Amino acid sequence: MALFIIELFYKAPLEQIDEYLPAHVSFLDKYYAAGNFLASGRKVPREGGIILARAADKIVIESILEEDPFHIHGLADYRIIEFIASKTIDSLTALQE
């Protein structure tokens, strides 16, 4: 499985982001349960977020992101970065190439 950093950039005021945040969290929960999402959180300052993910390829990540309420409602743009973990802490060695 490939690893990805997904960077979200908010395109809407935080009031709109907060309105869809519960639905976004449900979306995240679905893909944590599926094993695709490994970590996520807000950027500081709060202008977007980061998701650490794994999937067979970038096409799978793109299709997952189409389900995000932030995407559906035009609230965020995404940057997808594929990377190879050549070194990790011991508890994450399964993610290494």
N, C-alpha and C. Protein backbone atom coordinates (compact mmCIF):
# COMPACT_ATOMS: atom_id res chain seq x y z
N MET A 1 0.84 -1.19 0.00
CA MET A 1 0.00 0.00 0.00
C MET A 1 0.88 1.25 0.00
N ALA A 2 0.45 2.22 -0.76
CA ALA A 2 1.16 3.49 -0.82
C ALA A 2 0.68 4.40 0.31
N LEU A 3 1.55 5.32 0.72
CA LEU A 3 1.22 6.30 1.75
C LEU A 3 1.01 7.67 1.11
N PHE A 4 0.12 8.44 1.72
CA PHE A 4 -0.23 9.75 1.18
C PHE A 4 -0.39 10.76 2.31
N ILE A 5 0.04 11.97 2.04
CA ILE A 5 -0.31 13.12 2.87
C ILE A 5 -1.34 13.88 2.07
N ILE A 6 -2.50 14.09 2.67
CA ILE A 6 -3.56 14.86 2.02
C ILE A 6 -3.65 16.18 2.77
N GLU A 7 -3.42 17.27 2.06
CA GLU A 7 -3.50 18.59 2.66
C GLU A 7 -4.78 19.27 2.18
N LEU A 8 -5.60 19.68 3.13
CA LEU A 8 -6.85 20.39 2.82
C LEU A 8 -6.63 21.88 2.98
N PHE A 9 -7.18 22.64 2.06
CA PHE A 9 -7.15 24.10 2.09
C PHE A 9 -8.59 24.59 2.10
N TYR A 10 -9.01 25.23 3.18
CA TYR A 10 -10.37 25.73 3.26
C TYR A 10 -10.58 26.86 2.27
N LYS A 11 -11.73 26.84 1.59
CA LYS A 11 -12.12 27.88 0.63
C LYS A 11 -13.30 28.69 1.14
N ALA A 12 -13.76 28.38 2.34
CA ALA A 12 -14.96 29.01 2.90
C ALA A 12 -14.65 29.51 4.30
N PRO A 13 -15.47 30.43 4.81
CA PRO A 13 -15.28 30.90 6.18
C PRO A 13 -15.43 29.75 7.19
N LEU A 14 -14.78 29.89 8.33
CA LEU A 14 -14.82 28.84 9.34
C LEU A 14 -16.23 28.53 9.82
N GLU A 15 -17.14 29.48 9.75
CA GLU A 15 -18.53 29.22 10.13
C GLU A 15 -19.13 28.14 9.24
N GLN A 16 -18.84 28.19 7.94
CA GLN A 16 -19.34 27.16 7.03
C GLN A 16 -18.61 25.83 7.26
N ILE A 17 -17.32 25.89 7.51
CA ILE A 17 -16.55 24.68 7.80
C ILE A 17 -17.14 24.00 9.03
N ASP A 18 -17.39 24.77 10.08
CA ASP A 18 -17.94 24.21 11.32
C ASP A 18 -19.32 23.60 11.12
N GLU A 19 -20.10 24.16 10.22
CA GLU A 19 -21.43 23.64 9.93
C GLU A 19 -21.35 22.20 9.38
N TYR A 20 -20.34 21.93 8.57
CA TYR A 20 -20.19 20.60 7.96
C TYR A 20 -19.18 19.72 8.69
N LEU A 21 -18.62 20.22 9.80
CA LEU A 21 -17.60 19.45 10.52
C LEU A 21 -18.11 18.10 11.03
N PRO A 22 -19.31 18.00 11.62
CA PRO A 22 -19.79 16.67 12.05
C PRO A 22 -19.87 15.67 10.90
N ALA A 23 -20.32 16.11 9.73
CA ALA A 23 -20.39 15.21 8.58
C ALA A 23 -18.98 14.84 8.10
N HIS A 24 -18.07 15.79 8.16
CA HIS A 24 -16.68 15.51 7.79
C HIS A 24 -16.06 14.49 8.75
N VAL A 25 -16.34 14.61 10.03
CA VAL A 25 -15.82 13.66 11.02
C VAL A 25 -16.39 12.27 10.77
N SER A 26 -17.65 12.18 10.41
CA SER A 26 -18.25 10.88 10.05
C SER A 26 -17.55 10.27 8.83
N PHE A 27 -17.24 11.10 7.85
CA PHE A 27 -16.48 10.67 6.68
C PHE A 27 -15.12 10.13 7.11
N LEU A 28 -14.42 10.88 7.98
CA LEU A 28 -13.12 10.42 8.48
C LEU A 28 -13.25 9.08 9.18
N ASP A 29 -14.26 8.96 10.06
CA ASP A 29 -14.47 7.72 10.81
C ASP A 29 -14.65 6.52 9.89
N LYS A 30 -15.38 6.72 8.80
CA LYS A 30 -15.61 5.63 7.84
C LYS A 30 -14.28 5.10 7.29
N TYR A 31 -13.37 6.01 6.97
CA TYR A 31 -12.12 5.58 6.35
C TYR A 31 -11.04 5.23 7.37
N TYR A 32 -11.19 5.64 8.63
CA TYR A 32 -10.36 5.06 9.70
C TYR A 32 -10.74 3.60 9.87
N ALA A 33 -12.05 3.33 9.92
CA ALA A 33 -12.53 1.96 10.09
C ALA A 33 -12.11 1.06 8.92
N ALA A 34 -12.04 1.63 7.72
CA ALA A 34 -11.64 0.86 6.54
C ALA A 34 -10.13 0.65 6.48
N GLY A 35 -9.39 1.36 7.33
CA GLY A 35 -7.94 1.22 7.35
C GLY A 35 -7.20 2.16 6.41
N ASN A 36 -7.91 3.08 5.76
CA ASN A 36 -7.26 4.02 4.84
C ASN A 36 -6.65 5.23 5.54
N PHE A 37 -7.29 5.71 6.58
CA PHE A 37 -6.79 6.90 7.27
C PHE A 37 -6.04 6.47 8.52
N LEU A 38 -4.86 7.06 8.72
CA LEU A 38 -3.99 6.70 9.83
C LEU A 38 -3.90 7.81 10.88
N ALA A 39 -4.02 9.06 10.46
CA ALA A 39 -3.96 10.21 11.36
C ALA A 39 -4.58 11.40 10.63
N SER A 40 -5.12 12.33 11.39
CA SER A 40 -5.70 13.53 10.78
C SER A 40 -5.79 14.63 11.82
N GLY A 41 -5.91 15.86 11.34
CA GLY A 41 -6.07 16.98 12.26
C GLY A 41 -6.03 18.31 11.54
N ARG A 42 -6.29 19.35 12.33
CA ARG A 42 -6.32 20.72 11.81
C ARG A 42 -4.91 21.27 11.67
N LYS A 43 -4.73 22.14 10.67
CA LYS A 43 -3.48 22.88 10.55
C LYS A 43 -3.54 24.06 11.51
N VAL A 44 -2.38 24.56 11.90
CA VAL A 44 -2.26 25.74 12.74
C VAL A 44 -1.45 26.76 11.95
N PRO A 45 -2.03 27.91 11.60
CA PRO A 45 -3.38 28.36 11.92
C PRO A 45 -4.43 27.52 11.19
N ARG A 46 -5.67 27.65 11.65
CA ARG A 46 -6.77 26.82 11.16
C ARG A 46 -7.24 27.29 9.77
N GLU A 47 -6.47 26.87 8.78
CA GLU A 47 -6.77 27.22 7.39
C GLU A 47 -6.99 25.98 6.55
N GLY A 48 -7.07 24.84 7.22
CA GLY A 48 -7.24 23.56 6.53
C GLY A 48 -6.86 22.43 7.45
N GLY A 49 -6.52 21.28 6.86
CA GLY A 49 -6.18 20.13 7.67
C GLY A 49 -5.22 19.20 6.94
N ILE A 50 -4.83 18.15 7.64
CA ILE A 50 -3.92 17.14 7.12
C ILE A 50 -4.52 15.76 7.41
N ILE A 51 -4.44 14.87 6.44
CA ILE A 51 -4.81 13.47 6.63
C ILE A 51 -3.63 12.62 6.17
N LEU A 52 -3.19 11.71 7.02
CA LEU A 52 -2.19 10.72 6.64
C LEU A 52 -2.98 9.48 6.25
N ALA A 53 -2.76 9.01 5.03
CA ALA A 53 -3.60 7.93 4.49
C ALA A 53 -2.76 6.88 3.80
N ARG A 54 -3.41 5.72 3.57
CA ARG A 54 -2.79 4.67 2.76
C ARG A 54 -3.86 4.08 1.86
N ALA A 55 -3.42 3.68 0.68
CA ALA A 55 -4.33 3.09 -0.30
C ALA A 55 -3.48 2.43 -1.38
N ALA A 56 -4.14 1.68 -2.25
CA ALA A 56 -3.44 1.01 -3.34
C ALA A 56 -2.77 2.01 -4.28
N ASP A 57 -3.43 3.15 -4.52
CA ASP A 57 -2.85 4.16 -5.41
C ASP A 57 -3.59 5.49 -5.24
N LYS A 58 -3.12 6.50 -5.95
CA LYS A 58 -3.68 7.85 -5.85
C LYS A 58 -5.13 7.91 -6.32
N ILE A 59 -5.47 7.08 -7.29
CA ILE A 59 -6.85 7.06 -7.80
C ILE A 59 -7.82 6.68 -6.69
N VAL A 60 -7.44 5.74 -5.84
CA VAL A 60 -8.29 5.35 -4.72
C VAL A 60 -8.46 6.53 -3.76
N ILE A 61 -7.39 7.23 -3.46
CA ILE A 61 -7.47 8.39 -2.57
C ILE A 61 -8.39 9.45 -3.17
N GLU A 62 -8.24 9.72 -4.46
CA GLU A 62 -9.10 10.71 -5.11
C GLU A 62 -10.57 10.32 -5.03
N SER A 63 -10.87 9.05 -5.20
CA SER A 63 -12.27 8.62 -5.12
C SER A 63 -12.80 8.71 -3.70
N ILE A 64 -11.96 8.43 -2.72
CA ILE A 64 -12.37 8.59 -1.31
C ILE A 64 -12.70 10.05 -1.03
N LEU A 65 -11.84 10.95 -1.47
CA LEU A 65 -12.03 12.37 -1.18
C LEU A 65 -13.29 12.94 -1.82
N GLU A 66 -13.76 12.32 -2.88
CA GLU A 66 -15.01 12.77 -3.50
C GLU A 66 -16.20 12.62 -2.55
N GLU A 67 -16.07 11.77 -1.54
CA GLU A 67 -17.14 11.56 -0.56
C GLU A 67 -17.10 12.56 0.60
N ASP A 68 -16.02 13.30 0.71
CA ASP A 68 -15.88 14.24 1.83
C ASP A 68 -16.91 15.37 1.69
N PRO A 69 -17.71 15.61 2.73
CA PRO A 69 -18.67 16.72 2.67
C PRO A 69 -18.00 18.06 2.36
N PHE A 70 -16.75 18.24 2.78
CA PHE A 70 -16.05 19.48 2.44
C PHE A 70 -15.87 19.59 0.92
N HIS A 71 -15.64 18.48 0.26
CA HIS A 71 -15.53 18.48 -1.21
C HIS A 71 -16.91 18.65 -1.85
N ILE A 72 -17.87 17.88 -1.39
CA ILE A 72 -19.22 17.90 -1.97
C ILE A 72 -19.81 19.31 -1.95
N HIS A 73 -19.54 20.06 -0.88
CA HIS A 73 -20.12 21.40 -0.72
C HIS A 73 -19.16 22.51 -1.13
N GLY A 74 -18.04 22.14 -1.77
CA GLY A 74 -17.11 23.13 -2.29
C GLY A 74 -16.39 23.94 -1.23
N LEU A 75 -16.12 23.33 -0.08
CA LEU A 75 -15.52 24.06 1.04
C LEU A 75 -14.01 23.93 1.12
N ALA A 76 -13.43 22.95 0.41
CA ALA A 76 -11.99 22.72 0.52
C ALA A 76 -11.41 22.24 -0.81
N ASP A 77 -10.15 22.57 -1.00
CA ASP A 77 -9.34 21.99 -2.07
C ASP A 77 -8.36 21.04 -1.41
N TYR A 78 -7.80 20.12 -2.21
CA TYR A 78 -6.92 19.08 -1.67
C TYR A 78 -5.63 19.01 -2.46
N ARG A 79 -4.55 18.77 -1.75
CA ARG A 79 -3.26 18.46 -2.35
C ARG A 79 -2.89 17.07 -1.87
N ILE A 80 -2.63 16.16 -2.80
CA ILE A 80 -2.31 14.77 -2.46
C ILE A 80 -0.84 14.53 -2.77
N ILE A 81 -0.09 14.13 -1.75
CA ILE A 81 1.34 13.86 -1.89
C ILE A 81 1.58 12.39 -1.56
N GLU A 82 2.06 11.63 -2.54
CA GLU A 82 2.43 10.24 -2.28
C GLU A 82 3.87 10.21 -1.79
N PHE A 83 4.14 9.36 -0.79
CA PHE A 83 5.51 9.25 -0.31
C PHE A 83 5.82 7.83 0.12
N ILE A 84 7.11 7.56 0.23
CA ILE A 84 7.59 6.25 0.66
C ILE A 84 8.22 6.42 2.03
N ALA A 85 7.71 5.70 3.01
CA ALA A 85 8.27 5.76 4.36
C ALA A 85 9.49 4.85 4.42
N SER A 86 10.65 5.46 4.46
CA SER A 86 11.88 4.67 4.53
C SER A 86 12.35 4.49 5.97
N LYS A 87 11.80 5.29 6.89
CA LYS A 87 12.16 5.20 8.30
C LYS A 87 10.95 5.62 9.13
N THR A 88 10.70 4.89 10.20
CA THR A 88 9.58 5.20 11.10
C THR A 88 9.97 4.82 12.53
N ILE A 89 9.13 5.21 13.49
CA ILE A 89 9.29 4.69 14.84
C ILE A 89 8.90 3.22 14.82
N ASP A 90 9.32 2.49 15.83
CA ASP A 90 9.10 1.04 15.83
C ASP A 90 7.64 0.64 15.64
N SER A 91 6.72 1.38 16.24
CA SER A 91 5.31 0.99 16.15
C SER A 91 4.73 1.20 14.75
N LEU A 92 5.46 1.86 13.86
CA LEU A 92 4.98 2.10 12.49
C LEU A 92 5.81 1.39 11.43
N THR A 93 6.62 0.42 11.81
CA THR A 93 7.48 -0.24 10.82
C THR A 93 6.69 -0.92 9.72
N ALA A 94 5.46 -1.30 9.97
CA ALA A 94 4.64 -1.94 8.93
C ALA A 94 4.37 -0.99 7.76
N LEU A 95 4.55 0.30 7.95
CA LEU A 95 4.32 1.29 6.89
C LEU A 95 5.53 1.50 6.00
N GLN A 96 6.68 0.97 6.42
CA GLN A 96 7.91 1.17 5.64
C GLN A 96 7.89 0.36 4.37
N GLU A 97 8.61 0.88 3.38
CA GLU A 97 8.73 0.18 2.10
C GLU A 97 9.52 -1.11 2.28
